[in-house]
Amino acid sequence: MDEKYLNMKTIASLIMLLAGIIFYIYWGVQYGVWYDIGIYSITIILVLGGIFGFFLTTHWQEKTD
């Protein structure tokens, strides 16, 4: 990936991805709960949003350049 593909949407997607992973690990360590549907639902939204956002912003820019 080239630096010209990094824009605010791409950075927001990466932050969203990292926030999902960090949130899941933090919650599991803090409360000792690793199997909870509420944690899964928040983590999945953040992680998938980050992955799809990153893919769409970088892939769309490659197609238009």
C-alpha atoms as a PDB file:
ATOM      1  CA  MET A   1       0.000   0.000   0.000  1.00  0.00           C
ATOM      2  CA  ASP A   2       1.285   3.412  -0.929  1.00  0.00           C
ATOM      3  CA  GLU A   3       1.059   6.547   1.222  1.00  0.00           C
ATOM      4  CA  LYS A   4      -1.080   8.252  -1.393  1.00  0.00           C
ATOM      5  CA  TYR A   5      -3.947   5.894  -0.479  1.00  0.00           C
ATOM      6  CA  LEU A   6      -4.011   7.010   3.165  1.00  0.00           C
ATOM      7  CA  ASN A   7      -6.760   9.548   3.714  1.00  0.00           C
ATOM      8  CA  MET A   8      -9.055  10.337   6.629  1.00  0.00           C
ATOM      9  CA  LYS A   9     -11.514   7.561   5.778  1.00  0.00           C
ATOM     10  CA  THR A  10      -8.764   4.961   5.645  1.00  0.00           C
ATOM     11  CA  ILE A  11      -7.313   6.135   8.943  1.00  0.00           C
ATOM     12  CA  ALA A  12     -10.781   6.104  10.540  1.00  0.00           C
ATOM     13  CA  SER A  13     -11.265   2.537   9.316  1.00  0.00           C
ATOM     14  CA  LEU A  14      -7.961   1.439  10.837  1.00  0.00           C
ATOM     15  CA  ILE A  15      -8.822   3.142  14.125  1.00  0.00           C
ATOM     16  CA  MET A  16     -12.205   1.407  14.124  1.00  0.00           C
ATOM     17  CA  LEU A  17     -10.529  -1.965  13.518  1.00  0.00           C
ATOM     18  CA  LEU A  18      -8.021  -1.430  16.309  1.00  0.00           C
ATOM     19  CA  ALA A  19     -10.738  -0.156  18.661  1.00  0.00           C
ATOM     20  CA  GLY A  20     -12.708  -3.364  18.179  1.00  0.00           C
ATOM     21  CA  ILE A  21      -9.733  -5.591  18.907  1.00  0.00           C
ATOM     22  CA  ILE A  22      -8.571  -3.520  21.887  1.00  0.00           C
ATOM     23  CA  PHE A  23     -12.110  -3.344  23.284  1.00  0.00           C
ATOM     24  CA  TYR A  24     -12.520  -7.130  23.170  1.00  0.00           C
ATOM     25  CA  ILE A  25      -9.159  -7.792  24.811  1.00  0.00           C
ATOM     26  CA  TYR A  26      -9.692  -5.096  27.445  1.00  0.00           C
ATOM     27  CA  TRP A  27     -13.144  -6.355  28.349  1.00  0.00           C
ATOM     28  CA  GLY A  28     -11.958  -9.958  28.594  1.00  0.00           C
ATOM     29  CA  VAL A  29      -9.020  -9.101  30.817  1.00  0.00           C
ATOM     30  CA  GLN A  30     -10.928  -6.611  32.987  1.00  0.00           C
ATOM     31  CA  TYR A  31     -14.036  -8.704  33.641  1.00  0.00           C
ATOM     32  CA  GLY A  32     -12.876 -12.238  32.856  1.00  0.00           C
ATOM     33  CA  VAL A  33     -15.745 -12.672  30.390  1.00  0.00           C
ATOM     34  CA  TRP A  34     -14.720 -13.940  26.958  1.00  0.00           C
ATOM     35  CA  TYR A  35     -18.009 -15.560  25.889  1.00  0.00           C
ATOM     36  CA  ASP A  36     -20.734 -12.938  25.854  1.00  0.00           C
ATOM     37  CA  ILE A  37     -23.087 -12.042  23.013  1.00  0.00           C
ATOM     38  CA  GLY A  38     -23.003  -8.348  23.939  1.00  0.00           C
ATOM     39  CA  ILE A  39     -19.220  -8.202  23.621  1.00  0.00           C
ATOM     40  CA  TYR A  40     -19.366 -10.080  20.335  1.00  0.00           C
ATOM     41  CA  SER A  41     -21.952  -7.722  18.880  1.00  0.00           C
ATOM     42  CA  ILE A  42     -19.946  -4.567  19.607  1.00  0.00           C
ATOM     43  CA  THR A  43     -16.653  -6.145  18.552  1.00  0.00           C
ATOM     44  CA  ILE A  44     -18.055  -7.507  15.287  1.00  0.00           C
ATOM     45  CA  ILE A  45     -19.505  -4.128  14.305  1.00  0.00           C
ATOM     46  CA  LEU A  46     -16.206  -2.352  14.989  1.00  0.00           C
ATOM     47  CA  VAL A  47     -13.935  -4.959  13.394  1.00  0.00           C
ATOM     48  CA  LEU A  48     -16.027  -5.597  10.294  1.00  0.00           C
ATOM     49  CA  GLY A  49     -16.642  -1.880   9.843  1.00  0.00           C
ATOM     50  CA  GLY A  50     -12.909  -1.309  10.009  1.00  0.00           C
ATOM     51  CA  ILE A  51     -12.078  -4.129   7.589  1.00  0.00           C
ATOM     52  CA  PHE A  52     -14.734  -3.207   5.040  1.00  0.00           C
ATOM     53  CA  GLY A  53     -13.984   0.492   5.348  1.00  0.00           C
ATOM     54  CA  PHE A  54     -10.277  -0.094   4.818  1.00  0.00           C
ATOM     55  CA  PHE A  55     -10.923  -2.350   1.846  1.00  0.00           C
ATOM     56  CA  LEU A  56     -13.399   0.022   0.240  1.00  0.00           C
ATOM     57  CA  THR A  57     -11.275   3.137   0.660  1.00  0.00           C
ATOM     58  CA  THR A  58      -8.062   1.560  -0.623  1.00  0.00           C
ATOM     59  CA  HIS A  59      -9.655  -0.566  -3.353  1.00  0.00           C
ATOM     60  CA  TRP A  60     -11.881   2.257  -4.635  1.00  0.00           C
ATOM     61  CA  GLN A  61      -8.932   4.648  -4.822  1.00  0.00           C
ATOM     62  CA  GLU A  62      -6.861   2.115  -6.777  1.00  0.00           C
ATOM     63  CA  LYS A  63      -9.654   1.792  -9.333  1.00  0.00           C
ATOM     64  CA  THR A  64     -10.085   5.535  -9.790  1.00  0.00           C
ATOM     65  CA  ASP A  65      -6.372   6.377 -10.087  1.00  0.00           C
END
